[in-house]
Amino acid sequence: MTEHLTAAVVTEPPMNASEIETVLYLLDRSRAQFAWKCAGLDAAALNRPLPPSRMTLGGLLKHLALVEERYTIDFSGRAPGPPLDVADHSDPEWAWRTAAEDSPEVLYALWSNAAEHSRTAMAAALAREGGLDQVAEFTTGEDGGRPNLRRIAADLHDEYARHVGHADLLREAIDGLVGQDPPTVPGKTW
């Protein structure tokens, strides 16, 4: 089995945490849960669907890498670089379809790098004056308005909230792994 998937070690914020600390904690906790559910699997396991869905953990890794990079644009104003800059955005199934062509090592690195890129861009943006009240660098709504970073962070967390549940079901079907949070293992991050 492949073990090359990492996410930040998540530490609970204090009970009187700020809004930013709370948002970042919730997002990193969801990232860690997702990483744990996808970690340590070979290509066959990452490409195994749970019928009737065609969704796979490999597809989720690639999809969430794209989502992370998509929202990084809003925090940084910079488009993603390789390999996600070649995504076919006219094909809504691109990430799901092409994930089966990628090795576990590529998928794990793709997601880990995208999550770290997003985390870094978000921290830099939130350190600027305006915090979560700043408007997105890229996204515009149908009305021409731009959402604030609070909304972007909430949307990113919402994406993970939906897909961690999918990852729970897929992983349990693969090898029986269940649980809400990854175990604390000295020297290991999920």
Protein backbone atom coordinates (compact mmCIF):
# COMPACT_ATOMS: atom_id res chain seq x y z
CA MET A 1 0.00 0.00 0.00
CA THR A 2 1.09 3.57 -0.65
CA GLU A 3 1.45 5.91 2.32
CA HIS A 4 2.39 9.15 0.55
CA LEU A 5 -0.40 11.47 1.62
CA THR A 6 0.02 14.26 4.10
CA ALA A 7 -2.10 17.01 5.53
CA ALA A 8 -1.44 19.47 8.31
CA VAL A 9 -1.50 18.30 11.88
CA VAL A 10 -4.71 19.78 13.24
CA THR A 11 -4.80 21.34 16.67
CA GLU A 12 -8.09 22.43 18.18
CA PRO A 13 -8.27 26.18 18.69
CA PRO A 14 -8.99 27.67 22.11
CA MET A 15 -12.63 27.93 23.18
CA ASN A 16 -12.50 31.71 22.58
CA ALA A 17 -10.93 31.40 19.11
CA SER A 18 -11.31 34.20 16.60
CA GLU A 19 -13.44 33.80 13.52
CA ILE A 20 -10.36 33.24 11.35
CA GLU A 21 -8.90 30.64 13.75
CA THR A 22 -12.24 28.81 13.77
CA VAL A 23 -12.64 28.82 9.99
CA LEU A 24 -9.07 27.63 9.42
CA TYR A 25 -9.44 24.90 12.05
CA LEU A 26 -12.66 23.57 10.53
CA LEU A 27 -11.16 23.54 7.04
CA ASP A 28 -7.95 21.84 8.15
CA ARG A 29 -9.89 19.28 10.18
CA SER A 30 -11.94 18.38 7.10
CA ARG A 31 -8.75 18.19 5.01
CA ALA A 32 -7.18 15.85 7.58
CA GLN A 33 -10.28 13.64 7.69
CA PHE A 34 -10.26 13.45 3.88
CA ALA A 35 -6.52 12.69 3.73
CA TRP A 36 -6.89 9.92 6.31
CA LYS A 37 -9.74 8.29 4.39
CA CYS A 38 -7.68 8.29 1.16
CA ALA A 39 -4.25 7.41 2.58
CA GLY A 40 -2.36 4.18 2.05
CA LEU A 41 -4.27 2.80 -0.92
CA ASP A 42 -3.02 1.32 -4.18
CA ALA A 43 -4.37 2.19 -7.64
CA ALA A 44 -7.01 -0.55 -7.61
CA ALA A 45 -8.45 0.69 -4.32
CA LEU A 46 -8.33 4.36 -5.38
CA ASN A 47 -10.24 3.49 -8.55
CA ARG A 48 -12.88 1.30 -6.90
CA PRO A 49 -16.40 2.78 -7.09
CA LEU A 50 -19.26 2.01 -4.76
CA PRO A 51 -22.14 1.27 -7.15
CA PRO A 52 -24.40 2.71 -8.28
CA SER A 53 -22.06 5.72 -8.12
CA ARG A 54 -18.97 5.88 -10.34
CA MET A 55 -17.23 8.10 -7.76
CA THR A 56 -13.82 6.89 -6.57
CA LEU A 57 -11.33 8.06 -3.95
CA GLY A 58 -8.85 8.75 -6.77
CA GLY A 59 -11.44 10.93 -8.48
CA LEU A 60 -12.10 12.73 -5.20
CA LEU A 61 -8.38 13.41 -4.74
CA LYS A 62 -8.12 14.98 -8.19
CA HIS A 63 -11.44 16.82 -7.92
CA LEU A 64 -10.53 18.36 -4.56
CA ALA A 65 -7.08 19.32 -5.85
CA LEU A 66 -8.86 21.29 -8.58
CA VAL A 67 -11.25 22.82 -6.05
CA GLU A 68 -8.34 23.86 -3.80
CA GLU A 69 -6.56 25.50 -6.74
CA ARG A 70 -9.78 27.12 -7.93
CA TYR A 71 -10.27 28.85 -4.59
CA THR A 72 -6.56 29.67 -4.32
CA ILE A 73 -7.17 32.03 -7.25
CA ASP A 74 -9.56 33.99 -5.04
CA PHE A 75 -7.05 34.30 -2.22
CA SER A 76 -3.98 35.00 -4.35
CA GLY A 77 -5.17 36.29 -7.72
CA ARG A 78 -2.86 33.77 -9.42
CA ALA A 79 -3.98 30.87 -11.61
CA PRO A 80 -2.84 27.33 -10.80
CA GLY A 81 0.32 26.03 -12.38
CA PRO A 82 1.10 22.57 -13.73
CA PRO A 83 -0.35 20.04 -13.75
CA LEU A 84 -3.75 21.53 -12.93
CA ASP A 85 -3.45 24.32 -15.47
CA VAL A 86 -4.30 21.78 -18.20
CA ALA A 87 -7.66 20.79 -16.72
CA ASP A 88 -10.44 20.75 -19.30
CA HIS A 89 -12.97 23.02 -17.62
CA SER A 90 -15.46 22.43 -20.44
CA ASP A 91 -15.61 18.76 -19.34
CA PRO A 92 -17.23 18.52 -15.88
CA GLU A 93 -16.10 14.88 -15.65
CA TRP A 94 -12.41 15.63 -16.45
CA ALA A 95 -11.01 15.14 -12.93
CA TRP A 96 -13.14 12.06 -12.31
CA ARG A 97 -12.34 10.48 -15.67
CA THR A 98 -8.61 11.21 -15.79
CA ALA A 99 -7.89 10.21 -12.18
CA ALA A 100 -7.91 6.55 -13.24
CA GLU A 101 -4.91 7.33 -15.50
CA ASP A 102 -2.84 8.68 -12.59
CA SER A 103 -0.81 6.61 -10.13
CA PRO A 104 -1.56 6.83 -6.41
CA GLU A 105 1.69 8.76 -5.94
CA VAL A 106 0.61 11.36 -8.53
CA LEU A 107 -2.87 11.69 -7.01
CA TYR A 108 -1.58 11.97 -3.45
CA ALA A 109 1.02 14.58 -4.45
CA LEU A 110 -1.50 16.50 -6.56
CA TRP A 111 -3.96 16.85 -3.68
CA SER A 112 -1.30 17.47 -0.99
CA ASN A 113 0.40 20.16 -3.07
CA ALA A 114 -2.89 21.85 -3.96
CA ALA A 115 -4.04 21.86 -0.31
CA GLU A 116 -0.70 23.32 0.83
CA HIS A 117 -0.79 25.93 -1.96
CA SER A 118 -4.31 26.89 -0.89
CA ARG A 119 -3.40 26.96 2.80
CA THR A 120 -0.42 29.25 2.09
CA ALA A 121 -2.43 31.59 -0.17
CA MET A 122 -5.24 31.78 2.37
CA ALA A 123 -2.86 32.57 5.26
CA ALA A 124 -1.18 35.33 3.23
CA ALA A 125 -4.53 36.85 2.25
CA LEU A 126 -5.91 36.69 5.78
CA ALA A 127 -2.77 38.38 7.14
CA ARG A 128 -3.57 41.45 5.03
CA GLU A 129 -5.77 44.22 6.33
CA GLY A 130 -9.41 43.29 5.91
CA GLY A 131 -9.11 39.59 6.81
CA LEU A 132 -12.21 37.65 5.81
CA ASP A 133 -13.99 40.83 4.71
CA GLN A 134 -11.71 41.27 1.65
CA VAL A 135 -13.31 40.56 -1.70
CA ALA A 136 -12.21 37.62 -3.82
CA GLU A 137 -9.44 38.31 -6.31
CA PHE A 138 -11.11 36.40 -9.15
CA THR A 139 -14.66 35.19 -8.65
CA THR A 140 -17.59 37.30 -9.72
CA GLY A 141 -21.20 36.39 -9.24
CA GLU A 142 -23.91 36.55 -11.87
CA ASP A 143 -24.68 40.06 -10.63
CA GLY A 144 -21.06 41.15 -11.18
CA GLY A 145 -20.33 41.34 -7.46
CA ARG A 146 -17.42 39.56 -5.84
CA PRO A 147 -17.84 37.44 -2.71
CA ASN A 148 -15.73 38.12 0.34
CA LEU A 149 -13.07 35.67 1.54
CA ARG A 150 -15.39 34.53 4.35
CA ARG A 151 -17.79 33.19 1.71
CA ILE A 152 -14.94 31.60 -0.28
CA ALA A 153 -13.57 29.84 2.84
CA ALA A 154 -17.07 28.65 3.74
CA ASP A 155 -17.61 27.34 0.19
CA LEU A 156 -14.28 25.48 0.31
CA HIS A 157 -15.19 23.93 3.65
CA ASP A 158 -18.62 23.00 2.29
CA GLU A 159 -16.95 21.17 -0.60
CA TYR A 160 -14.92 19.10 1.88
CA ALA A 161 -17.93 18.50 4.11
CA ARG A 162 -19.78 16.91 1.19
CA HIS A 163 -16.87 14.81 0.02
CA VAL A 164 -15.57 13.59 3.40
CA GLY A 165 -18.87 11.74 3.70
CA HIS A 166 -18.32 10.17 0.30
CA ALA A 167 -14.77 9.22 1.30
CA ASP A 168 -16.13 7.61 4.50
CA LEU A 169 -18.38 5.29 2.52
CA LEU A 170 -15.84 4.48 -0.18
CA ARG A 171 -13.06 3.70 2.30
CA GLU A 172 -15.27 1.54 4.50
CA ALA A 173 -16.25 -0.49 1.42
CA ILE A 174 -12.57 -0.94 0.47
CA ASP A 175 -11.07 -2.14 3.75
CA GLY A 176 -13.47 -1.40 6.60
CA LEU A 177 -11.70 1.75 7.86
CA VAL A 178 -14.18 3.80 9.87
CA GLY A 179 -14.01 6.72 12.27
CA GLN A 180 -14.40 10.45 12.40
CA ASP A 181 -10.85 11.72 12.92
CA PRO A 182 -7.49 10.25 12.02
CA PRO A 183 -5.64 8.66 14.91
CA THR A 184 -2.79 10.60 16.47
CA VAL A 185 0.38 8.79 15.48
CA PRO A 186 3.69 10.40 16.53
CA GLY A 187 5.58 11.62 13.46
CA LYS A 188 2.71 10.86 11.06
CA THR A 189 0.40 13.27 9.33
CA TRP A 190 -2.52 12.27 7.19
